[in-house]
């Protein structure tokens, strides 16, 4: 049976294997309060993981969008902030090491 630490509103904020200073309350593992705590923690963690996955995906979408805008001459690669240029070039080099290169974001006649 886990020991529980509660917030001032009575909800569980931590589970402990053993009693701690001032923590003496223990509940059966299937207690509704413990189930609610575990489900809430799991769902928050799931959301964080989904956001991380989404961040990676949106980064790739952004790279593809910049590449398309440069290719269509809507923007010039050199108009991007230098830090952005560096990051895009770095990612392009990394991708080429994986043998999945995109056409270069800068043309042969552009200078960096």
PDB file of N, CA and C in Angstrom:
ATOM      1  N   UNK A   1       0.837  -1.185   0.000  1.00  0.00           N
ATOM      2  CA  UNK A   1       0.000   0.000   0.000  1.00  0.00           C
ATOM      3  C   UNK A   1       0.877   1.242   0.000  1.00  0.00           C
ATOM      4  N   UNK A   2       0.666   2.140  -0.967  1.00  0.00           N
ATOM      5  CA  UNK A   2       1.479   3.358  -1.021  1.00  0.00           C
ATOM      6  C   UNK A   2       1.051   4.382   0.035  1.00  0.00           C
ATOM      7  N   UNK A   3       2.032   5.149   0.446  1.00  0.00           N
ATOM      8  CA  UNK A   3       1.780   6.273   1.339  1.00  0.00           C
ATOM      9  C   UNK A   3       1.514   7.488   0.454  1.00  0.00           C
ATOM     10  N   UNK A   4       0.615   8.341   0.918  1.00  0.00           N
ATOM     11  CA  UNK A   4       0.215   9.477   0.081  1.00  0.00           C
ATOM     12  C   UNK A   4       0.546  10.800   0.741  1.00  0.00           C
ATOM     13  N   UNK A   5       0.937  11.749  -0.094  1.00  0.00           N
ATOM     14  CA  UNK A   5       1.148  13.130   0.327  1.00  0.00           C
ATOM     15  C   UNK A   5       0.020  13.917  -0.332  1.00  0.00           C
ATOM     16  N   UNK A   6      -0.661  14.717   0.467  1.00  0.00           N
ATOM     17  CA  UNK A   6      -1.800  15.468  -0.057  1.00  0.00           C
ATOM     18  C   UNK A   6      -1.536  16.967  -0.058  1.00  0.00           C
ATOM     19  N   UNK A   7      -2.174  17.647  -1.001  1.00  0.00           N
ATOM     20  CA  UNK A   7      -2.155  19.115  -1.039  1.00  0.00           C
ATOM     21  C   UNK A   7      -3.161  19.630  -0.021  1.00  0.00           C
ATOM     22  N   UNK A   8      -3.179  20.936   0.154  1.00  0.00           N
ATOM     23  CA  UNK A   8      -4.116  21.527   1.110  1.00  0.00           C
ATOM     24  C   UNK A   8      -5.569  21.292   0.722  1.00  0.00           C
ATOM     25  N   UNK A   9      -5.834  21.070  -0.573  1.00  0.00           N
ATOM     26  CA  UNK A   9      -7.212  20.811  -1.003  1.00  0.00           C
ATOM     27  C   UNK A   9      -7.608  19.342  -0.860  1.00  0.00           C
ATOM     28  N   UNK A  10      -6.689  18.503  -0.361  1.00  0.00           N
ATOM     29  CA  UNK A  10      -6.992  17.098  -0.133  1.00  0.00           C
ATOM     30  C   UNK A  10      -6.605  16.182  -1.275  1.00  0.00           C
ATOM     31  N   UNK A  11      -6.238  16.734  -2.410  1.00  0.00           N
ATOM     32  CA  UNK A  11      -5.846  15.890  -3.535  1.00  0.00           C
ATOM     33  C   UNK A  11      -4.414  15.384  -3.332  1.00  0.00           C
ATOM     34  N   UNK A  12      -4.142  14.236  -3.913  1.00  0.00           N
ATOM     35  CA  UNK A  12      -2.813  13.628  -3.781  1.00  0.00           C
ATOM     36  C   UNK A  12      -1.824  14.348  -4.696  1.00  0.00           C
ATOM     37  N   UNK A  13      -0.638  14.638  -4.159  1.00  0.00           N
ATOM     38  CA  UNK A  13       0.407  15.267  -4.980  1.00  0.00           C
ATOM     39  C   UNK A  13       1.648  14.387  -5.089  1.00  0.00           C
ATOM     40  N   UNK A  14       1.708  13.292  -4.299  1.00  0.00           N
ATOM     41  CA  UNK A  14       2.853  12.387  -4.386  1.00  0.00           C
ATOM     42  C   UNK A  14       2.500  11.052  -3.754  1.00  0.00           C
ATOM     43  N   UNK A  15       3.145   9.997  -4.256  1.00  0.00           N
ATOM     44  CA  UNK A  15       3.041   8.664  -3.685  1.00  0.00           C
ATOM     45  C   UNK A  15       4.416   8.230  -3.214  1.00  0.00           C
ATOM     46  N   UNK A  16       4.467   7.617  -2.035  1.00  0.00           N
ATOM     47  CA  UNK A  16       5.734   7.160  -1.468  1.00  0.00           C
ATOM     48  C   UNK A  16       5.653   5.672  -1.168  1.00  0.00           C
ATOM     49  N   UNK A  17       6.790   5.014  -1.289  1.00  0.00           N
ATOM     50  CA  UNK A  17       6.862   3.596  -0.950  1.00  0.00           C
ATOM     51  C   UNK A  17       6.837   3.375   0.552  1.00  0.00           C
ATOM     52  N   UNK A  18       7.479   4.288   1.275  1.00  0.00           N
ATOM     53  CA  UNK A  18       7.619   4.162   2.722  1.00  0.00           C
ATOM     54  C   UNK A  18       7.174   5.454   3.387  1.00  0.00           C
ATOM     55  N   UNK A  19       6.791   5.381   4.656  1.00  0.00           N
ATOM     56  CA  UNK A  19       6.391   6.617   5.338  1.00  0.00           C
ATOM     57  C   UNK A  19       7.564   7.577   5.447  1.00  0.00           C
ATOM     58  N   UNK A  20       7.238   8.852   5.490  1.00  0.00           N
ATOM     59  CA  UNK A  20       8.241   9.901   5.536  1.00  0.00           C
ATOM     60  C   UNK A  20       7.873  10.823   6.689  1.00  0.00           C
ATOM     61  N   UNK A  21       8.668  11.841   6.942  1.00  0.00           N
ATOM     62  CA  UNK A  21       8.353  12.787   8.010  1.00  0.00           C
ATOM     63  C   UNK A  21       6.950  13.334   7.821  1.00  0.00           C
ATOM     64  N   UNK A  22       6.076  13.005   8.729  1.00  0.00           N
ATOM     65  CA  UNK A  22       4.719  13.528   8.684  1.00  0.00           C
ATOM     66  C   UNK A  22       3.797  12.829   7.703  1.00  0.00           C
ATOM     67  N   UNK A  23       4.302  11.881   6.954  1.00  0.00           N
ATOM     68  CA  UNK A  23       3.475  11.172   5.973  1.00  0.00           C
ATOM     69  C   UNK A  23       3.208   9.770   6.514  1.00  0.00           C
ATOM     70  N   UNK A  24       2.015   9.586   7.005  1.00  0.00           N
ATOM     71  CA  UNK A  24       1.659   8.302   7.591  1.00  0.00           C
ATOM     72  C   UNK A  24       0.471   7.666   6.879  1.00  0.00           C
ATOM     73  N   UNK A  25      -0.268   8.443   6.099  1.00  0.00           N
ATOM     74  CA  UNK A  25      -1.473   7.924   5.455  1.00  0.00           C
ATOM     75  C   UNK A  25      -1.097   6.962   4.327  1.00  0.00           C
ATOM     76  N   UNK A  26      -1.679   5.811   4.374  1.00  0.00           N
ATOM     77  CA  UNK A  26      -1.478   4.860   3.288  1.00  0.00           C
ATOM     78  C   UNK A  26      -2.852   4.395   2.806  1.00  0.00           C
ATOM     79  N   UNK A  27      -2.907   4.103   1.520  1.00  0.00           N
ATOM     80  CA  UNK A  27      -4.158   3.705   0.884  1.00  0.00           C
ATOM     81  C   UNK A  27      -3.908   2.465   0.036  1.00  0.00           C
ATOM     82  N   UNK A  28      -4.937   1.675  -0.201  1.00  0.00           N
ATOM     83  CA  UNK A  28      -4.774   0.554  -1.128  1.00  0.00           C
ATOM     84  C   UNK A  28      -4.475   1.083  -2.525  1.00  0.00           C
ATOM     85  N   UNK A  29      -3.698   0.349  -3.285  1.00  0.00           N
ATOM     86  CA  UNK A  29      -3.277   0.788  -4.611  1.00  0.00           C
ATOM     87  C   UNK A  29      -4.449   1.065  -5.537  1.00  0.00           C
ATOM     88  N   UNK A  30      -5.581   0.428  -5.303  1.00  0.00           N
ATOM     89  CA  UNK A  30      -6.738   0.631  -6.172  1.00  0.00           C
ATOM     90  C   UNK A  30      -7.712   1.687  -5.640  1.00  0.00           C
ATOM     91  N   UNK A  31      -7.296   2.436  -4.636  1.00  0.00           N
ATOM     92  CA  UNK A  31      -8.147   3.496  -4.077  1.00  0.00           C
ATOM     93  C   UNK A  31      -8.439   4.548  -5.156  1.00  0.00           C
ATOM     94  N   UNK A  32      -9.671   5.066  -5.221  1.00  0.00           N
ATOM     95  CA  UNK A  32     -10.026   6.045  -6.264  1.00  0.00           C
ATOM     96  C   UNK A  32      -9.114   7.276  -6.292  1.00  0.00           C
ATOM     97  N   UNK A  33      -8.671   7.745  -5.110  1.00  0.00           N
ATOM     98  CA  UNK A  33      -7.774   8.914  -5.092  1.00  0.00           C
ATOM     99  C   UNK A  33      -6.443   8.597  -5.772  1.00  0.00           C
ATOM    100  N   UNK A  34      -5.931   7.390  -5.549  1.00  0.00           N
ATOM    101  CA  UNK A  34      -4.666   6.998  -6.171  1.00  0.00           C
ATOM    102  C   UNK A  34      -4.860   6.806  -7.673  1.00  0.00           C
ATOM    103  N   UNK A  35      -5.947   6.188  -8.050  1.00  0.00           N
ATOM    104  CA  UNK A  35      -6.248   6.003  -9.473  1.00  0.00           C
ATOM    105  C   UNK A  35      -6.348   7.346 -10.181  1.00  0.00           C
ATOM    106  N   UNK A  36      -7.035   8.304  -9.549  1.00  0.00           N
ATOM    107  CA  UNK A  36      -7.179   9.640 -10.141  1.00  0.00           C
ATOM    108  C   UNK A  36      -5.815  10.314 -10.274  1.00  0.00           C
ATOM    109  N   UNK A  37      -4.971  10.203  -9.250  1.00  0.00           N
ATOM    110  CA  UNK A  37      -3.637  10.811  -9.281  1.00  0.00           C
ATOM    111  C   UNK A  37      -2.795  10.212 -10.419  1.00  0.00           C
ATOM    112  N   UNK A  38      -2.806   8.888 -10.522  1.00  0.00           N
ATOM    113  CA  UNK A  38      -2.005   8.222 -11.554  1.00  0.00           C
ATOM    114  C   UNK A  38      -2.515   8.572 -12.949  1.00  0.00           C
ATOM    115  N   UNK A  39      -3.824   8.582 -13.124  1.00  0.00           N
ATOM    116  CA  UNK A  39      -4.394   8.923 -14.430  1.00  0.00           C
ATOM    117  C   UNK A  39      -4.098  10.362 -14.810  1.00  0.00           C
ATOM    118  N   UNK A  40      -4.180  11.274 -13.838  1.00  0.00           N
ATOM    119  CA  UNK A  40      -3.887  12.685 -14.123  1.00  0.00           C
ATOM    120  C   UNK A  40      -2.417  12.857 -14.481  1.00  0.00           C
ATOM    121  N   UNK A  41      -1.530  12.202 -13.746  1.00  0.00           N
ATOM    122  CA  UNK A  41      -0.093  12.297 -14.036  1.00  0.00           C
ATOM    123  C   UNK A  41       0.208  11.700 -15.394  1.00  0.00           C
ATOM    124  N   UNK A  42      -0.423  10.561 -15.697  1.00  0.00           N
ATOM    125  CA  UNK A  42      -0.206   9.919 -16.986  1.00  0.00           C
ATOM    126  C   UNK A  42      -0.698  10.776 -18.128  1.00  0.00           C
ATOM    127  N   UNK A  43      -1.865  11.377 -17.970  1.00  0.00           N
ATOM    128  CA  UNK A  43      -2.399  12.185 -19.062  1.00  0.00           C
ATOM    129  C   UNK A  43      -1.562  13.443 -19.271  1.00  0.00           C
ATOM    130  N   UNK A  44      -1.063  14.045 -18.196  1.00  0.00           N
ATOM    131  CA  UNK A  44      -0.187  15.216 -18.347  1.00  0.00           C
ATOM    132  C   UNK A  44       1.104  14.817 -19.048  1.00  0.00           C
ATOM    133  N   UNK A  45       1.638  13.665 -18.663  1.00  0.00           N
ATOM    134  CA  UNK A  45       2.857  13.170 -19.303  1.00  0.00           C
ATOM    135  C   UNK A  45       2.595  12.859 -20.775  1.00  0.00           C
ATOM    136  N   UNK A  46       1.435  12.272 -21.066  1.00  0.00           N
ATOM    137  CA  UNK A  46       1.080  11.978 -22.454  1.00  0.00           C
ATOM    138  C   UNK A  46       1.005  13.261 -23.274  1.00  0.00           C
ATOM    139  N   UNK A  47       0.434  14.307 -22.668  1.00  0.00           N
ATOM    140  CA  UNK A  47       0.331  15.593 -23.359  1.00  0.00           C
ATOM    141  C   UNK A  47       1.716  16.162 -23.616  1.00  0.00           C
ATOM    142  N   UNK A  48       2.591  16.077 -22.625  1.00  0.00           N
ATOM    143  CA  UNK A  48       3.961  16.579 -22.809  1.00  0.00           C
ATOM    144  C   UNK A  48       4.682  15.821 -23.928  1.00  0.00           C
ATOM    145  N   UNK A  49       4.519  14.495 -23.952  1.00  0.00           N
ATOM    146  CA  UNK A  49       5.147  13.692 -25.004  1.00  0.00           C
ATOM    147  C   UNK A  49       4.567  14.036 -26.370  1.00  0.00           C
ATOM    148  N   UNK A  50       3.252  14.234 -26.419  1.00  0.00           N
ATOM    149  CA  UNK A  50       2.616  14.611 -27.688  1.00  0.00           C
ATOM    150  C   UNK A  50       3.137  15.964 -28.159  1.00  0.00           C
ATOM    151  N   UNK A  51       3.334  16.902 -27.221  1.00  0.00           N
ATOM    152  CA  UNK A  51       3.886  18.211 -27.590  1.00  0.00           C
ATOM    153  C   UNK A  51       5.312  18.080 -28.099  1.00  0.00           C
ATOM    154  N   UNK A  52       6.113  17.217 -27.473  1.00  0.00           N
ATOM    155  CA  UNK A  52       7.478  17.011 -27.954  1.00  0.00           C
ATOM    156  C   UNK A  52       7.477  16.450 -29.367  1.00  0.00           C
ATOM    157  N   UNK A  53       6.615  15.465 -29.605  1.00  0.00           N
ATOM    158  CA  UNK A  53       6.514  14.904 -30.955  1.00  0.00           C
ATOM    159  C   UNK A  53       6.069  15.967 -31.939  1.00  0.00           C
ATOM    160  N   UNK A  54       5.097  16.764 -31.517  1.00  0.00           N
ATOM    161  CA  UNK A  54       4.582  17.832 -32.369  1.00  0.00           C
ATOM    162  C   UNK A  54       5.664  18.872 -32.651  1.00  0.00           C
ATOM    163  N   UNK A  55       6.493  19.177 -31.650  1.00  0.00           N
ATOM    164  CA  UNK A  55       7.582  20.136 -31.848  1.00  0.00           C
ATOM    165  C   UNK A  55       8.529  19.654 -32.943  1.00  0.00           C
ATOM    166  N   UNK A  56       8.867  18.373 -32.903  1.00  0.00           N
ATOM    167  CA  UNK A  56       9.758  17.821 -33.928  1.00  0.00           C
ATOM    168  C   UNK A  56       9.101  17.887 -35.296  1.00  0.00           C
ATOM    169  N   UNK A  57       7.816  17.577 -35.342  1.00  0.00           N
ATOM    170  CA  UNK A  57       7.101  17.604 -36.620  1.00  0.00           C
ATOM    171  C   UNK A  57       6.978  19.033 -37.149  1.00  0.00           C
ATOM    172  N   UNK A  58       6.664  19.974 -36.272  1.00  0.00           N
ATOM    173  CA  UNK A  58       6.489  21.361 -36.725  1.00  0.00           C
ATOM    174  C   UNK A  58       7.831  21.950 -37.159  1.00  0.00           C
ATOM    175  N   UNK A  59       8.907  21.499 -36.545  1.00  0.00           N
ATOM    176  CA  UNK A  59      10.237  21.951 -36.982  1.00  0.00           C
ATOM    177  C   UNK A  59      10.476  21.511 -38.414  1.00  0.00           C
ATOM    178  N   UNK A  60      10.117  20.278 -38.727  1.00  0.00           N
ATOM    179  CA  UNK A  60      10.312  19.772 -40.082  1.00  0.00           C
ATOM    180  C   UNK A  60       9.406  20.503 -41.066  1.00  0.00           C
ATOM    181  N   UNK A  61       8.162  20.764 -40.655  1.00  0.00           N
ATOM    182  CA  UNK A  61       7.225  21.508 -41.510  1.00  0.00           C
ATOM    183  C   UNK A  61       7.771  22.907 -41.785  1.00  0.00           C
ATOM    184  N   UNK A  62       8.320  23.530 -40.759  1.00  0.00           N
ATOM    185  CA  UNK A  62       8.878  24.873 -40.914  1.00  0.00           C
ATOM    186  C   UNK A  62      10.065  24.853 -41.872  1.00  0.00           C
ATOM    187  N   UNK A  63      10.924  23.866 -41.741  1.00  0.00           N
ATOM    188  CA  UNK A  63      12.060  23.737 -42.661  1.00  0.00           C
ATOM    189  C   UNK A  63      11.577  23.586 -44.093  1.00  0.00           C
ATOM    190  N   UNK A  64      10.584  22.716 -44.276  1.00  0.00           N
ATOM    191  CA  UNK A  64      10.049  22.491 -45.621  1.00  0.00           C
ATOM    192  C   UNK A  64       9.410  23.762 -46.174  1.00  0.00           C
ATOM    193  N   UNK A  65       8.721  24.501 -45.323  1.00  0.00           N
ATOM    194  CA  UNK A  65       8.090  25.750 -45.741  1.00  0.00           C
ATOM    195  C   UNK A  65       9.137  26.774 -46.159  1.00  0.00           C
ATOM    196  N   UNK A  66      10.185  26.933 -45.374  1.00  0.00           N
ATOM    197  CA  UNK A  66      11.261  27.865 -45.721  1.00  0.00           C
ATOM    198  C   UNK A  66      11.891  27.445 -47.045  1.00  0.00           C
ATOM    199  N   UNK A  67      12.136  26.145 -47.188  1.00  0.00           N
ATOM    200  CA  UNK A  67      12.731  25.632 -48.420  1.00  0.00           C
ATOM    201  C   UNK A  67      11.851  25.970 -49.629  1.00  0.00           C
ATOM    202  N   UNK A  68      10.548  25.770 -49.484  1.00  0.00           N
ATOM    203  CA  UNK A  68       9.619  26.058 -50.571  1.00  0.00           C
ATOM    204  C   UNK A  68       9.591  27.551 -50.904  1.00  0.00           C
ATOM    205  N   UNK A  69       9.571  28.396 -49.875  1.00  0.00           N
ATOM    206  CA  UNK A  69       9.543  29.846 -50.098  1.00  0.00           C
ATOM    207  C   UNK A  69      10.818  30.327 -50.788  1.00  0.00           C
ATOM    208  N   UNK A  70      11.948  29.747 -50.429  1.00  0.00           N
ATOM    209  CA  UNK A  70      13.212  30.101 -51.077  1.00  0.00           C
ATOM    210  C   UNK A  70      13.206  29.618 -52.526  1.00  0.00           C
ATOM    211  N   UNK A  71      12.750  28.389 -52.719  1.00  0.00           N
ATOM    212  CA  UNK A  71      12.720  27.816 -54.064  1.00  0.00           C
ATOM    213  C   UNK A  71      11.827  28.642 -55.004  1.00  0.00           C
ATOM    214  N   UNK A  72      10.720  29.160 -54.491  1.00  0.00           N
ATOM    215  CA  UNK A  72       9.796  29.948 -55.309  1.00  0.00           C
ATOM    216  C   UNK A  72      10.180  31.434 -55.357  1.00  0.00           C
ATOM    217  N   UNK A  73      11.334  31.760 -54.782  1.00  0.00           N
ATOM    218  CA  UNK A  73      11.835  33.135 -54.757  1.00  0.00           C
ATOM    219  C   UNK A  73      10.884  34.114 -54.065  1.00  0.00           C
ATOM    220  N   UNK A  74      10.137  33.603 -53.084  1.00  0.00           N
ATOM    221  CA  UNK A  74       9.291  34.472 -52.275  1.00  0.00           C
ATOM    222  C   UNK A  74      10.159  35.192 -51.248  1.00  0.00           C
ATOM    223  N   UNK A  75      11.140  34.470 -50.724  1.00  0.00           N
ATOM    224  CA  UNK A  75      12.123  35.066 -49.825  1.00  0.00           C
ATOM    225  C   UNK A  75      13.508  34.619 -50.288  1.00  0.00           C
ATOM    226  N   UNK A  76      14.490  35.372 -49.907  1.00  0.00           N
ATOM    227  CA  UNK A  76      15.878  34.976 -50.152  1.00  0.00           C
ATOM    228  C   UNK A  76      16.421  34.344 -48.881  1.00  0.00           C
ATOM    229  N   UNK A  77      17.162  33.286 -49.062  1.00  0.00           N
ATOM    230  CA  UNK A  77      17.742  32.609 -47.909  1.00  0.00           C
ATOM    231  C   UNK A  77      18.559  33.593 -47.077  1.00  0.00           C
ATOM    232  N   UNK A  78      19.264  34.470 -47.742  1.00  0.00           N
ATOM    233  CA  UNK A  78      20.132  35.431 -47.045  1.00  0.00           C
ATOM    234  C   UNK A  78      19.344  36.495 -46.291  1.00  0.00           C
ATOM    235  N   UNK A  79      18.035  36.580 -46.519  1.00  0.00           N
ATOM    236  CA  UNK A  79      17.206  37.526 -45.764  1.00  0.00           C
ATOM    237  C   UNK A  79      16.857  36.989 -44.372  1.00  0.00           C
ATOM    238  N   UNK A  80      17.014  35.706 -44.201  1.00  0.00           N
ATOM    239  CA  UNK A  80      16.727  35.100 -42.898  1.00  0.00           C
ATOM    240  C   UNK A  80      17.809  35.514 -41.904  1.00  0.00           C
ATOM    241  N   UNK A  81      17.453  35.613 -40.637  1.00  0.00           N
ATOM    242  CA  UNK A  81      18.487  35.920 -39.639  1.00  0.00           C
ATOM    243  C   UNK A  81      19.621  34.896 -39.710  1.00  0.00           C
ATOM    244  N   UNK A  82      20.807  35.356 -39.447  1.00  0.00           N
ATOM    245  CA  UNK A  82      21.989  34.497 -39.563  1.00  0.00           C
ATOM    246  C   UNK A  82      21.864  33.231 -38.721  1.00  0.00           C
ATOM    247  N   UNK A  83      21.300  33.362 -37.533  1.00  0.00           N
ATOM    248  CA  UNK A  83      21.137  32.209 -36.663  1.00  0.00           C
ATOM    249  C   UNK A  83      20.203  31.175 -37.307  1.00  0.00           C
ATOM    250  N   UNK A  84      19.161  31.629 -37.973  1.00  0.00           N
ATOM    251  CA  UNK A  84      18.232  30.734 -38.666  1.00  0.00           C
ATOM    252  C   UNK A  84      18.945  30.062 -39.834  1.00  0.00           C
ATOM    253  N   UNK A  85      19.708  30.835 -40.586  1.00  0.00           N
ATOM    254  CA  UNK A  85      20.471  30.265 -41.697  1.00  0.00           C
ATOM    255  C   UNK A  85      21.395  29.148 -41.195  1.00  0.00           C
ATOM    256  N   UNK A  86      22.102  29.439 -40.112  1.00  0.00           N
ATOM    257  CA  UNK A  86      23.041  28.456 -39.552  1.00  0.00           C
ATOM    258  C   UNK A  86      22.321  27.171 -39.140  1.00  0.00           C
ATOM    259  N   UNK A  87      21.182  27.324 -38.469  1.00  0.00           N
ATOM    260  CA  UNK A  87      20.426  26.149 -38.022  1.00  0.00           C
ATOM    261  C   UNK A  87      19.921  25.335 -39.212  1.00  0.00           C
ATOM    262  N   UNK A  88      19.398  26.011 -40.219  1.00  0.00           N
ATOM    263  CA  UNK A  88      18.880  25.308 -41.391  1.00  0.00           C
ATOM    264  C   UNK A  88      19.996  24.573 -42.138  1.00  0.00           C
ATOM    265  N   UNK A  89      21.122  25.227 -42.289  1.00  0.00           N
ATOM    266  CA  UNK A  89      22.263  24.590 -42.961  1.00  0.00           C
ATOM    267  C   UNK A  89      22.756  23.401 -42.140  1.00  0.00           C
ATOM    268  N   UNK A  90      22.827  23.568 -40.844  1.00  0.00           N
ATOM    269  CA  UNK A  90      23.267  22.481 -39.970  1.00  0.00           C
ATOM    270  C   UNK A  90      22.333  21.283 -40.086  1.00  0.00           C
ATOM    271  N   UNK A  91      21.032  21.520 -40.072  1.00  0.00           N
ATOM    272  CA  UNK A  91      20.066  20.421 -40.194  1.00  0.00           C
ATOM    273  C   UNK A  91      20.141  19.780 -41.578  1.00  0.00           C
ATOM    274  N   UNK A  92      20.380  20.590 -42.589  1.00  0.00           N
ATOM    275  CA  UNK A  92      20.518  20.051 -43.946  1.00  0.00           C
ATOM    276  C   UNK A  92      21.726  19.118 -44.013  1.00  0.00           C
ATOM    277  N   UNK A  93      22.830  19.502 -43.382  1.00  0.00           N
ATOM    278  CA  UNK A  93      24.029  18.660 -43.366  1.00  0.00           C
ATOM    279  C   UNK A  93      23.771  17.363 -42.607  1.00  0.00           C
ATOM    280  N   UNK A  94      23.067  17.462 -41.468  1.00  0.00           N
ATOM    281  CA  UNK A  94      22.745  16.262 -40.698  1.00  0.00           C
ATOM    282  C   UNK A  94      21.863  15.314 -41.509  1.00  0.00           C
ATOM    283  N   UNK A  95      20.893  15.880 -42.194  1.00  0.00           N
ATOM    284  CA  UNK A  95      20.004  15.056 -42.996  1.00  0.00           C
ATOM    285  C   UNK A  95      20.762  14.360 -44.124  1.00  0.00           C
ATOM    286  N   UNK A  96      21.727  15.066 -44.702  1.00  0.00           N
ATOM    287  CA  UNK A  96      22.496  14.464 -45.795  1.00  0.00           C
ATOM    288  C   UNK A  96      23.331  13.285 -45.288  1.00  0.00           C
ATOM    289  N   UNK A  97      23.718  13.315 -44.015  1.00  0.00           N
ATOM    290  CA  UNK A  97      24.447  12.191 -43.436  1.00  0.00           C
ATOM    291  C   UNK A  97      23.554  10.964 -43.295  1.00  0.00           C
ATOM    292  N   UNK A  98      22.255  11.180 -43.228  1.00  0.00           N
ATOM    293  CA  UNK A  98      21.304  10.068 -43.150  1.00  0.00           C
ATOM    294  C   UNK A  98      20.881   9.586 -44.530  1.00  0.00           C
ATOM    295  N   UNK A  99      21.501  10.151 -45.555  1.00  0.00           N
ATOM    296  CA  UNK A  99      21.186   9.800 -46.939  1.00  0.00           C
ATOM    297  C   UNK A  99      19.760  10.146 -47.326  1.00  0.00           C
ATOM    298  N   UNK A 100      19.216  11.195 -46.715  1.00  0.00           N
ATOM    299  CA  UNK A 100      17.892  11.673 -47.108  1.00  0.00           C
ATOM    300  C   UNK A 100      17.962  13.175 -47.361  1.00  0.00           C
ATOM    301  N   UNK A 101      18.894  13.575 -48.226  1.00  0.00           N
ATOM    302  CA  UNK A 101      19.062  15.018 -48.419  1.00  0.00           C
ATOM    303  C   UNK A 101      17.915  15.631 -49.221  1.00  0.00           C
ATOM    304  N   UNK A 102      17.618  16.858 -48.897  1.00  0.00           N
ATOM    305  CA  UNK A 102      16.729  17.672 -49.706  1.00  0.00           C
ATOM    306  C   UNK A 102      17.614  18.456 -50.653  1.00  0.00           C
ATOM    307  N   UNK A 103      17.045  18.966 -51.730  1.00  0.00           N
ATOM    308  CA  UNK A 103      17.849  19.880 -52.535  1.00  0.00           C
ATOM    309  C   UNK A 103      18.319  21.029 -51.629  1.00  0.00           C
ATOM    310  N   UNK A 104      19.515  21.487 -51.872  1.00  0.00           N
ATOM    311  CA  UNK A 104      20.088  22.512 -51.016  1.00  0.00           C
ATOM    312  C   UNK A 104      19.200  23.736 -50.948  1.00  0.00           C
ATOM    313  N   UNK A 105      19.122  24.314 -49.771  1.00  0.00           N
ATOM    314  CA  UNK A 105      18.282  25.491 -49.547  1.00  0.00           C
ATOM    315  C   UNK A 105      18.885  26.739 -50.176  1.00  0.00           C
ATOM    316  N   UNK A 106      20.195  26.701 -50.421  1.00  0.00           N
ATOM    317  CA  UNK A 106      20.834  27.821 -51.094  1.00  0.00           C
ATOM    318  C   UNK A 106      21.364  27.342 -52.432  1.00  0.00           C
ATOM    319  N   UNK A 107      21.319  28.221 -53.401  1.00  0.00           N
ATOM    320  CA  UNK A 107      21.790  27.836 -54.725  1.00  0.00           C
ATOM    321  C   UNK A 107      23.312  27.906 -54.780  1.00  0.00           C
ATOM    322  N   UNK A 108      23.870  27.335 -55.815  1.00  0.00           N
ATOM    323  CA  UNK A 108      25.328  27.305 -55.943  1.00  0.00           C
ATOM    324  C   UNK A 108      25.945  28.674 -56.057  1.00  0.00           C
ATOM    325  N   UNK A 109      25.174  29.648 -56.566  1.00  0.00           N
ATOM    326  CA  UNK A 109      25.739  30.980 -56.748  1.00  0.00           C
ATOM    327  C   UNK A 109      25.534  31.874 -55.517  1.00  0.00           C
ATOM    328  N   UNK A 110      24.811  31.400 -54.501  1.00  0.00           N
ATOM    329  CA  UNK A 110      24.655  32.176 -53.276  1.00  0.00           C
ATOM    330  C   UNK A 110      25.890  32.012 -52.409  1.00  0.00           C
ATOM    331  N   UNK A 111      26.188  33.014 -51.654  1.00  0.00           N
ATOM    332  CA  UNK A 111      27.289  32.916 -50.706  1.00  0.00           C
ATOM    333  C   UNK A 111      26.719  32.980 -49.308  1.00  0.00           C
ATOM    334  N   UNK A 112      27.428  32.367 -48.404  1.00  0.00           N
ATOM    335  CA  UNK A 112      26.971  32.342 -47.014  1.00  0.00           C
ATOM    336  C   UNK A 112      27.724  33.386 -46.223  1.00  0.00           C
TER     337      UNK A 112
END
